């Protein structure tokens, strides 16, 4: 994954963006010229002046006031640490394969590899050298079958990976990263590792020089996760620990890390309240902790443990996602015929009108009482429901409609802040 590649010094998008202060002042402009400036030219100059000020704030904000010279407000003067981007697929790369909008899988590209699904057989040789995002057709079925080759991201990886345990999905991932205040080069603790979906989301955020310590009590899952991190090119950012942080024996429990050395802790455990005191020891003052629990009873016990361990500002939230799809539908024009008007509470008139309408329909004759109750159009034809089927006006409209079902409850997220250590 690109986010795990080491940063290098090279020309980046920032340094080649041509962002700089543009001189718009004309020192020798006459007074007559200033009067001749149109309102459009004046607006353009206002926009340029605002852009120049934004450039100064972006590039010169860290400079002392006496050194803030517009000559240095030029992005081309500053090279940036950037990540070399890989745009084409090579042997050994991880590729997310999109079979349909709701079905994703993955493959590690091999020289003689073959990927097969219900759409046909796809040779890995057809993937090599192709840019990410390419559409590839099958070698059988006359090429009618096809799939898309996508560049892996934590979101796509979470949707395509093999589930060894229940995973943290994208919506909860984003909130955890946001509420833990994660940023590049942080040290983060996670327990347990599970399928590694949340691990990859954390790794993208703390790259390029951060460190994730992830703990898993199941040896097979720990070894599998370690192997996946290696294949996905993120092993330099993560250390997998086979350890039960909630063990009953005190010497075998907890996180084997120095005190006050961790910027954030994320707990995805059946009994997180046992790990909360250990998390309090390794967290820095005012650092953040998050706990992911499917039951509110687990959340309540975790909050009590957080209070005893010196945490404060506890907050529990649940996130739900309502998805919509865009569709073009056809509406019939509303009827223009109006129902007869009656005085308020004039039930006798309503009964007589209904009786007249019933007798007219029963005898096949039009009632005189209803002759003036139906409005006509300009051409004398009846409007709305009284019009023939061929005269109905239909309008097409593009609308966003919700899916019939919404993914249900996944878990409660509890966040808290570590107190100051004595």
Protein backbone atom coordinates (compact mmCIF):
# COMPACT_ATOMS: atom_id res chain seq x y z
CA UNK A 1 0.00 0.00 0.00
CA UNK A 2 1.30 3.45 -0.89
CA UNK A 3 0.74 4.86 2.59
CA UNK A 4 3.28 2.42 4.04
CA UNK A 5 6.10 3.26 1.63
CA UNK A 6 9.00 5.28 3.11
CA UNK A 7 9.05 9.01 2.42
CA UNK A 8 11.77 10.46 0.20
CA UNK A 9 12.99 13.97 -0.63
CA UNK A 10 11.73 14.80 -4.12
CA UNK A 11 9.61 17.25 -6.04
CA UNK A 12 6.06 16.74 -4.88
CA UNK A 13 2.65 18.10 -5.80
CA UNK A 14 3.15 20.93 -3.33
CA UNK A 15 6.51 22.08 -4.68
CA UNK A 16 5.38 21.84 -8.32
CA UNK A 17 1.99 23.50 -7.74
CA UNK A 18 3.29 26.97 -8.72
CA UNK A 19 1.72 28.47 -5.59
CA UNK A 20 3.32 31.89 -5.06
CA UNK A 21 2.56 35.54 -4.38
CA UNK A 22 1.58 37.32 -7.60
CA UNK A 23 2.40 41.01 -7.92
CA UNK A 24 -0.73 42.87 -9.04
CA UNK A 25 0.27 46.43 -8.15
CA UNK A 26 1.15 48.85 -10.92
CA UNK A 27 3.34 51.54 -9.31
CA UNK A 28 3.26 53.86 -12.35
CA UNK A 29 -0.46 53.61 -13.06
CA UNK A 30 -1.98 57.03 -13.60
CA UNK A 31 -5.04 58.35 -11.81
CA UNK A 32 -7.00 58.22 -15.06
CA UNK A 33 -6.11 54.54 -15.44
CA UNK A 34 -7.32 53.80 -11.92
CA UNK A 35 -10.64 55.45 -12.71
CA UNK A 36 -10.97 53.39 -15.89
CA UNK A 37 -10.69 50.07 -14.04
CA UNK A 38 -13.93 48.18 -14.54
CA UNK A 39 -15.84 46.46 -11.76
CA UNK A 40 -14.85 43.05 -13.20
CA UNK A 41 -11.14 43.93 -13.11
CA UNK A 42 -11.55 45.22 -9.56
CA UNK A 43 -13.17 41.93 -8.53
CA UNK A 44 -10.33 39.97 -10.14
CA UNK A 45 -7.78 42.02 -8.22
CA UNK A 46 -9.64 41.37 -4.97
CA UNK A 47 -9.50 37.63 -5.65
CA UNK A 48 -5.76 37.77 -6.37
CA UNK A 49 -5.09 39.78 -3.21
CA UNK A 50 -7.00 37.21 -1.15
CA UNK A 51 -5.03 34.39 -2.81
CA UNK A 52 -1.75 36.16 -2.08
CA UNK A 53 -2.67 36.49 1.60
CA UNK A 54 -3.58 32.78 1.74
CA UNK A 55 -0.20 31.95 0.19
CA UNK A 56 1.60 34.03 2.80
CA UNK A 57 -0.32 32.30 5.60
CA UNK A 58 0.48 28.89 4.14
CA UNK A 59 4.19 29.29 3.42
CA UNK A 60 5.47 32.08 5.68
CA UNK A 61 3.45 31.42 8.84
CA UNK A 62 6.38 29.70 10.59
CA UNK A 63 8.85 32.49 9.71
CA UNK A 64 9.66 35.30 12.18
CA UNK A 65 7.79 38.49 11.34
CA UNK A 66 10.96 40.32 10.26
CA UNK A 67 11.76 37.58 7.69
CA UNK A 68 8.33 37.37 6.04
CA UNK A 69 9.31 38.54 2.59
CA UNK A 70 7.10 37.90 -0.44
CA UNK A 71 10.16 36.68 -2.34
CA UNK A 72 10.14 33.56 -0.13
CA UNK A 73 6.40 32.95 -0.61
CA UNK A 74 6.99 30.58 -3.52
CA UNK A 75 6.26 26.86 -3.23
CA UNK A 76 8.89 25.93 -5.82
CA UNK A 77 11.61 26.92 -3.31
CA UNK A 78 10.61 24.12 -0.93
CA UNK A 79 11.00 20.42 -1.61
CA UNK A 80 8.73 18.16 0.38
CA UNK A 81 8.91 14.71 1.85
CA UNK A 82 6.63 12.70 -0.40
CA UNK A 83 5.56 9.11 -0.96
CA UNK A 84 6.54 7.61 -4.34
CA UNK A 85 3.29 6.46 -5.89
CA UNK A 86 2.95 3.11 -7.62
CA UNK A 87 0.54 3.31 -10.53
CA UNK A 88 1.06 -0.03 -12.30
CA UNK A 89 0.61 -3.60 -11.05
CA UNK A 90 3.74 -5.73 -10.59
CA UNK A 91 4.51 -9.25 -9.35
CA UNK A 92 3.91 -9.56 -5.60
CA UNK A 93 1.50 -6.62 -5.40
CA UNK A 94 -1.78 -6.84 -3.53
CA UNK A 95 -4.73 -6.11 -5.85
CA UNK A 96 -8.37 -5.71 -4.81
CA UNK A 97 -10.58 -7.35 -7.44
CA UNK A 98 -14.03 -5.87 -7.92
CA UNK A 99 -16.47 -8.45 -9.34
CA UNK A 100 -19.57 -6.32 -8.70
CA UNK A 101 -20.43 -3.26 -6.63
CA UNK A 102 -21.18 -5.43 -3.59
CA UNK A 103 -18.56 -8.16 -4.03
CA UNK A 104 -14.82 -7.57 -3.58
CA UNK A 105 -11.97 -10.02 -3.17
CA UNK A 106 -8.17 -9.79 -3.44
CA UNK A 107 -5.16 -11.52 -4.92
CA UNK A 108 -1.38 -11.35 -4.62
CA UNK A 109 0.00 -11.21 -8.15
CA UNK A 110 2.15 -14.18 -9.22
CA UNK A 111 3.94 -14.85 -12.49
CA UNK A 112 1.90 -17.99 -13.20
CA UNK A 113 -1.12 -17.18 -11.05
CA UNK A 114 -4.73 -17.62 -12.10
CA UNK A 115 -7.85 -16.06 -10.61
CA UNK A 116 -11.22 -17.68 -11.27
CA UNK A 117 -14.76 -16.65 -10.40
CA UNK A 118 -18.24 -17.00 -11.84
CA UNK A 119 -17.36 -14.59 -14.65
CA UNK A 120 -14.47 -16.68 -15.97
CA UNK A 121 -10.73 -17.33 -15.66
CA UNK A 122 -8.29 -14.42 -15.35
CA UNK A 123 -4.54 -14.93 -15.72
CA UNK A 124 -2.27 -12.82 -13.52
CA UNK A 125 -0.16 -12.17 -16.63
CA UNK A 126 -3.02 -10.02 -17.88
CA UNK A 127 -2.79 -7.96 -14.66
CA UNK A 128 0.97 -7.27 -14.73
CA UNK A 129 1.83 -3.87 -16.15
CA UNK A 130 -1.77 -2.66 -16.10
CA UNK A 131 -2.54 0.56 -14.20
CA UNK A 132 -4.72 0.29 -11.10
CA UNK A 133 -8.36 0.80 -12.01
CA UNK A 134 -8.10 -1.21 -15.24
CA UNK A 135 -10.92 -3.37 -16.56
CA UNK A 136 -9.72 -6.88 -17.50
CA UNK A 137 -11.70 -9.46 -19.50
CA UNK A 138 -11.68 -13.22 -18.92
CA UNK A 139 -9.73 -15.62 -21.11
CA UNK A 140 -12.75 -17.86 -21.60
CA UNK A 141 -16.48 -17.25 -22.18
CA UNK A 142 -15.47 -15.30 -25.30
CA UNK A 143 -14.26 -12.49 -23.06
CA UNK A 144 -17.74 -11.58 -21.84
CA UNK A 145 -16.66 -11.84 -18.20
CA UNK A 146 -14.70 -8.95 -16.70
CA UNK A 147 -13.50 -7.47 -13.41
CA UNK A 148 -11.81 -4.28 -12.19
CA UNK A 149 -8.35 -4.13 -10.58
CA UNK A 150 -8.30 -1.62 -7.71
CA UNK A 151 -5.46 -0.18 -5.66
CA UNK A 152 -5.77 -1.42 -2.04
CA UNK A 153 -6.86 1.01 0.66
CA UNK A 154 -7.85 0.20 4.26
CA UNK A 155 -11.52 0.60 3.27
CA UNK A 156 -11.27 -1.77 0.29
CA UNK A 157 -9.13 -4.19 2.31
CA UNK A 158 -11.79 -4.29 5.06
CA UNK A 159 -14.44 -5.20 2.47
CA UNK A 160 -12.37 -7.91 0.77
CA UNK A 161 -10.31 -9.60 3.51
CA UNK A 162 -11.04 -13.00 5.00
CA UNK A 163 -12.93 -12.53 8.27
CA UNK A 164 -11.29 -14.44 11.10
CA UNK A 165 -13.31 -12.47 13.65
CA UNK A 166 -15.91 -9.71 13.56
CA UNK A 167 -14.21 -6.66 12.05
CA UNK A 168 -14.46 -2.93 12.66
CA UNK A 169 -16.12 -1.48 9.56
CA UNK A 170 -15.26 1.74 7.75
CA UNK A 171 -17.75 4.01 9.51
CA UNK A 172 -16.56 3.02 12.98
CA UNK A 173 -12.93 3.10 11.81
CA UNK A 174 -13.22 6.74 10.78
CA UNK A 175 -14.77 7.75 14.09
CA UNK A 176 -12.17 5.88 16.13
CA UNK A 177 -9.31 7.58 14.28
CA UNK A 178 -11.02 10.96 14.64
CA UNK A 179 -11.86 10.61 18.34
CA UNK A 180 -8.38 9.28 19.22
CA UNK A 181 -6.81 12.31 17.52
CA UNK A 182 -4.46 10.06 15.54
CA UNK A 183 -1.90 11.68 13.26
CA UNK A 184 1.41 10.72 11.58
CA UNK A 185 4.30 9.33 13.63
CA UNK A 186 2.25 8.43 16.72
CA UNK A 187 2.69 5.30 18.83
CA UNK A 188 -0.58 3.38 19.15
CA UNK A 189 -1.64 0.19 20.99
CA UNK A 190 -4.40 -2.09 19.71
CA UNK A 191 -5.91 -5.17 21.36
CA UNK A 192 -7.03 -7.51 19.83
CA UNK A 193 -5.79 -7.78 16.31
CA UNK A 194 -8.49 -10.08 14.91
CA UNK A 195 -8.70 -9.86 11.13
CA UNK A 196 -6.49 -6.76 10.97
CA UNK A 197 -9.05 -4.41 9.38
CA UNK A 198 -8.68 -1.73 12.07
CA UNK A 199 -4.91 -2.22 12.10
CA UNK A 200 -4.58 -1.15 8.47
CA UNK A 201 -6.70 1.97 9.07
CA UNK A 202 -4.44 2.96 11.98
CA UNK A 203 -1.29 2.26 9.97
CA UNK A 204 -2.35 4.60 7.17
CA UNK A 205 -2.89 7.39 9.70
CA UNK A 206 0.38 7.04 11.65
CA UNK A 207 2.66 6.50 8.62
CA UNK A 208 5.43 7.16 7.69
CA UNK A 209 7.30 6.88 11.01
CA UNK A 210 4.63 5.82 13.50
CA UNK A 211 4.41 2.50 15.35
CA UNK A 212 1.47 0.21 16.05
CA UNK A 213 1.72 -2.42 18.78
CA UNK A 214 -1.14 -4.86 18.21
CA UNK A 215 -1.91 -7.65 20.73
CA UNK A 216 -3.70 -10.93 19.98
CA UNK A 217 -4.18 -13.79 22.43
CA UNK A 218 -4.86 -16.39 19.71
CA UNK A 219 -1.53 -17.59 18.28
CA UNK A 220 -2.92 -18.66 14.91
CA UNK A 221 -4.60 -15.29 14.33
CA UNK A 222 -1.47 -13.47 15.48
CA UNK A 223 0.73 -15.42 13.04
CA UNK A 224 -1.74 -14.91 10.18
CA UNK A 225 -1.92 -11.17 10.82
CA UNK A 226 1.88 -10.93 10.97
CA UNK A 227 2.11 -12.70 7.61
CA UNK A 228 -0.51 -10.38 6.05
CA UNK A 229 1.27 -7.25 7.30
CA UNK A 230 4.44 -8.55 5.65
CA UNK A 231 2.70 -9.25 2.33
CA UNK A 232 0.91 -5.90 2.35
CA UNK A 233 4.16 -4.00 2.88
CA UNK A 234 3.33 -2.48 6.28
CA UNK A 235 5.44 -4.68 8.56
CA UNK A 236 7.89 -1.83 9.26
CA UNK A 237 5.05 0.09 10.96
CA UNK A 238 3.60 -2.66 13.16
CA UNK A 239 4.71 -5.18 15.78
CA UNK A 240 2.40 -8.12 16.47
CA UNK A 241 2.42 -9.41 20.07
CA UNK A 242 1.02 -12.84 20.97
CA UNK A 243 -0.19 -11.98 24.46
CA UNK A 244 -3.38 -12.03 26.53
CA UNK A 245 -3.57 -8.55 28.02
CA UNK A 246 -6.50 -9.63 30.22
CA UNK A 247 -4.76 -12.69 31.71
CA UNK A 248 -5.56 -13.53 35.34
CA UNK A 249 -1.87 -13.92 36.18
CA UNK A 250 -0.59 -10.39 36.72
CA UNK A 251 2.86 -11.09 35.26
CA UNK A 252 1.35 -12.30 31.96
CA UNK A 253 -1.25 -9.54 31.64
CA UNK A 254 -1.02 -5.99 30.36
CA UNK A 255 1.08 -4.35 27.67
CA UNK A 256 4.82 -5.00 27.80
CA UNK A 257 5.68 -1.37 27.02
CA UNK A 258 7.32 1.40 29.07
CA UNK A 259 5.04 3.64 31.16
CA UNK A 260 3.79 6.86 29.55
CA UNK A 261 5.03 5.84 26.09
CA UNK A 262 1.81 5.49 24.08
CA UNK A 263 -0.28 8.18 22.36
CA UNK A 264 -3.52 6.19 22.05
CA UNK A 265 -5.05 2.81 22.94
CA UNK A 266 -7.83 0.96 21.15
CA UNK A 267 -9.52 -2.01 22.85
CA UNK A 268 -11.60 -4.55 20.92
CA UNK A 269 -12.01 -7.22 23.62
CA UNK A 270 -14.81 -9.27 25.21
CA UNK A 271 -13.90 -7.94 28.67
CA UNK A 272 -12.13 -4.61 28.10
CA UNK A 273 -12.49 -3.52 31.73
CA UNK A 274 -9.65 -5.90 32.63
CA UNK A 275 -7.31 -4.11 30.17
CA UNK A 276 -8.24 -0.54 31.16
CA UNK A 277 -5.86 -0.31 34.19
CA UNK A 278 -2.97 -1.60 32.04
CA UNK A 279 -3.81 0.96 29.35
CA UNK A 280 -3.73 3.75 31.94
CA UNK A 281 -0.12 2.84 32.81
CA UNK A 282 1.26 3.02 29.24
CA UNK A 283 -0.72 6.07 28.07
CA UNK A 284 0.81 9.52 28.12
CA UNK A 285 -0.97 12.22 30.13
CA UNK A 286 -4.08 13.51 28.32
CA UNK A 287 -3.84 10.71 25.74
CA UNK A 288 -6.98 9.02 24.44
CA UNK A 289 -8.49 5.55 24.77
CA UNK A 290 -11.32 3.87 22.82
CA UNK A 291 -13.27 0.71 23.58
CA UNK A 292 -15.42 -1.23 21.07
CA UNK A 293 -18.18 -3.36 22.64
CA UNK A 294 -21.37 -4.82 21.12
CA UNK A 295 -23.37 -4.85 24.39
CA UNK A 296 -24.30 -1.90 26.57
CA UNK A 297 -23.60 -3.97 29.71
CA UNK A 298 -19.98 -4.31 28.58
CA UNK A 299 -19.86 -0.57 28.01
CA UNK A 300 -21.16 0.18 31.49
CA UNK A 301 -18.52 -2.00 33.18
CA UNK A 302 -15.81 -0.44 30.98
CA UNK A 303 -16.86 3.09 31.97
CA UNK A 304 -16.72 2.14 35.67
CA UNK A 305 -13.20 0.73 35.17
CA UNK A 306 -12.16 3.93 33.35
CA UNK A 307 -13.34 6.08 36.26
CA UNK A 308 -11.33 4.00 38.74
CA UNK A 309 -8.22 4.19 36.50
CA UNK A 310 -8.29 8.00 36.42
CA UNK A 311 -9.84 8.57 32.99
CA UNK A 312 -12.24 11.45 32.44
CA UNK A 313 -14.51 12.92 29.74
CA UNK A 314 -16.10 9.55 28.95
CA UNK A 315 -18.39 9.49 25.94
CA UNK A 316 -20.26 6.53 24.39
CA UNK A 317 -21.65 6.67 20.84
CA UNK A 318 -23.25 4.41 18.26
CA UNK A 319 -22.91 5.06 14.53
CA UNK A 320 -25.39 3.98 11.85
CA UNK A 321 -25.13 4.50 8.10
CA UNK A 322 -28.16 5.03 5.87
CA UNK A 323 -27.16 4.43 2.26
CA UNK A 324 -29.02 5.89 -0.73
CA UNK A 325 -28.97 5.14 -4.43
CA UNK A 326 -29.77 7.44 -7.33
CA UNK A 327 -32.59 6.41 -9.64
CA UNK A 328 -34.69 7.98 -12.40
CA UNK A 329 -38.40 7.50 -11.82
CA UNK A 330 -41.52 8.54 -13.74
CA UNK A 331 -44.28 10.58 -12.12
CA UNK A 332 -47.79 10.99 -13.48
CA UNK A 333 -49.04 14.55 -13.49
CA UNK A 334 -51.35 15.25 -10.54
CA UNK A 335 -55.10 15.48 -11.33
CA UNK A 336 -56.44 18.95 -11.96
CA UNK A 337 -60.09 18.07 -11.24
CA UNK A 338 -61.26 19.57 -7.99
CA UNK A 339 -63.65 18.05 -5.54
CA UNK A 340 -66.77 20.08 -4.73
CA UNK A 341 -66.52 22.59 -1.90
CA UNK A 342 -68.88 22.40 1.08
CA UNK A 343 -69.37 24.54 4.09
CA UNK A 344 -67.69 23.31 7.22
CA UNK A 345 -69.63 20.49 8.94
CA UNK A 346 -72.22 20.44 6.11
CA UNK A 347 -72.65 16.67 6.22
CA UNK A 348 -76.08 16.79 4.54
CA UNK A 349 -74.62 18.36 1.38
CA UNK A 350 -71.84 15.76 1.32
CA UNK A 351 -74.35 12.92 1.55
CA UNK A 352 -76.51 14.40 -1.22
CA UNK A 353 -73.47 14.86 -3.48
CA UNK A 354 -72.33 11.29 -2.94
CA UNK A 355 -75.88 10.03 -3.58
CA UNK A 356 -76.10 12.02 -6.82
CA UNK A 357 -72.75 10.69 -7.99
CA UNK A 358 -73.83 7.13 -7.18
CA UNK A 359 -77.13 7.41 -9.03
CA UNK A 360 -75.42 8.96 -12.04
CA UNK A 361 -72.89 6.17 -12.28
CA UNK A 362 -75.63 3.56 -11.74
CA UNK A 363 -77.90 4.88 -14.53
CA UNK A 364 -75.05 5.62 -16.91
CA UNK A 365 -76.06 9.33 -17.01
CA UNK A 366 -74.19 12.44 -15.94
CA UNK A 367 -75.75 14.19 -12.94
CA UNK A 368 -76.59 17.86 -13.41
CA UNK A 369 -75.36 18.56 -9.86
CA UNK A 370 -71.86 17.42 -10.80
CA UNK A 371 -71.68 19.12 -14.19
CA UNK A 372 -69.92 22.18 -12.81
CA UNK A 373 -67.77 20.35 -10.24
CA UNK A 374 -65.16 19.14 -12.76
CA UNK A 375 -62.83 21.74 -14.18
CA UNK A 376 -61.84 21.67 -17.82
CA UNK A 377 -58.68 22.78 -19.53
CA UNK A 378 -58.32 25.60 -22.03
CA UNK A 379 -59.28 23.30 -24.89
CA UNK A 380 -62.46 22.11 -23.21
CA UNK A 381 -61.14 18.62 -22.39
CA UNK A 382 -61.39 17.19 -18.90
CA UNK A 383 -58.20 17.47 -16.84
CA UNK A 384 -56.41 15.12 -14.43
CA UNK A 385 -58.01 11.72 -13.75
CA UNK A 386 -60.84 12.51 -16.21
CA UNK A 387 -58.34 12.55 -19.09
CA UNK A 388 -57.80 9.48 -21.23
CA UNK A 389 -54.79 7.24 -20.69
CA UNK A 390 -53.16 8.53 -23.85
CA UNK A 391 -53.35 12.13 -22.63
CA UNK A 392 -51.60 11.58 -19.27
CA UNK A 393 -48.59 13.80 -18.74
CA UNK A 394 -45.61 11.91 -17.32
CA UNK A 395 -42.49 13.59 -15.96
CA UNK A 396 -39.10 11.98 -15.26
CA UNK A 397 -37.13 12.97 -12.23
CA UNK A 398 -33.78 11.86 -10.76
CA UNK A 399 -34.13 11.17 -7.04
CA UNK A 400 -32.00 9.74 -4.21
CA UNK A 401 -33.81 6.84 -2.61
CA UNK A 402 -32.76 4.93 0.54
CA UNK A 403 -32.06 1.23 0.36
CA UNK A 404 -34.82 -0.96 1.77
CA UNK A 405 -32.54 -2.24 4.54
CA UNK A 406 -29.90 -0.56 6.70
CA UNK A 407 -27.06 -2.42 8.37
CA UNK A 408 -27.98 -2.84 12.01
CA UNK A 409 -26.15 -2.26 15.24
CA UNK A 410 -22.46 -3.20 15.24
CA UNK A 411 -21.10 -1.92 18.54
CA UNK A 412 -20.93 0.90 21.07
CA UNK A 413 -17.81 3.07 20.98
CA UNK A 414 -16.61 4.52 24.28
CA UNK A 415 -13.94 7.24 24.34
CA UNK A 416 -12.10 8.76 27.29
CA UNK A 417 -9.07 10.87 28.15
CA UNK A 418 -6.25 9.80 30.43
CA UNK A 419 -5.62 11.88 33.51
CA UNK A 420 -2.37 13.44 34.68
CA UNK A 421 -0.04 10.93 36.29
CA UNK A 422 1.15 11.59 39.83
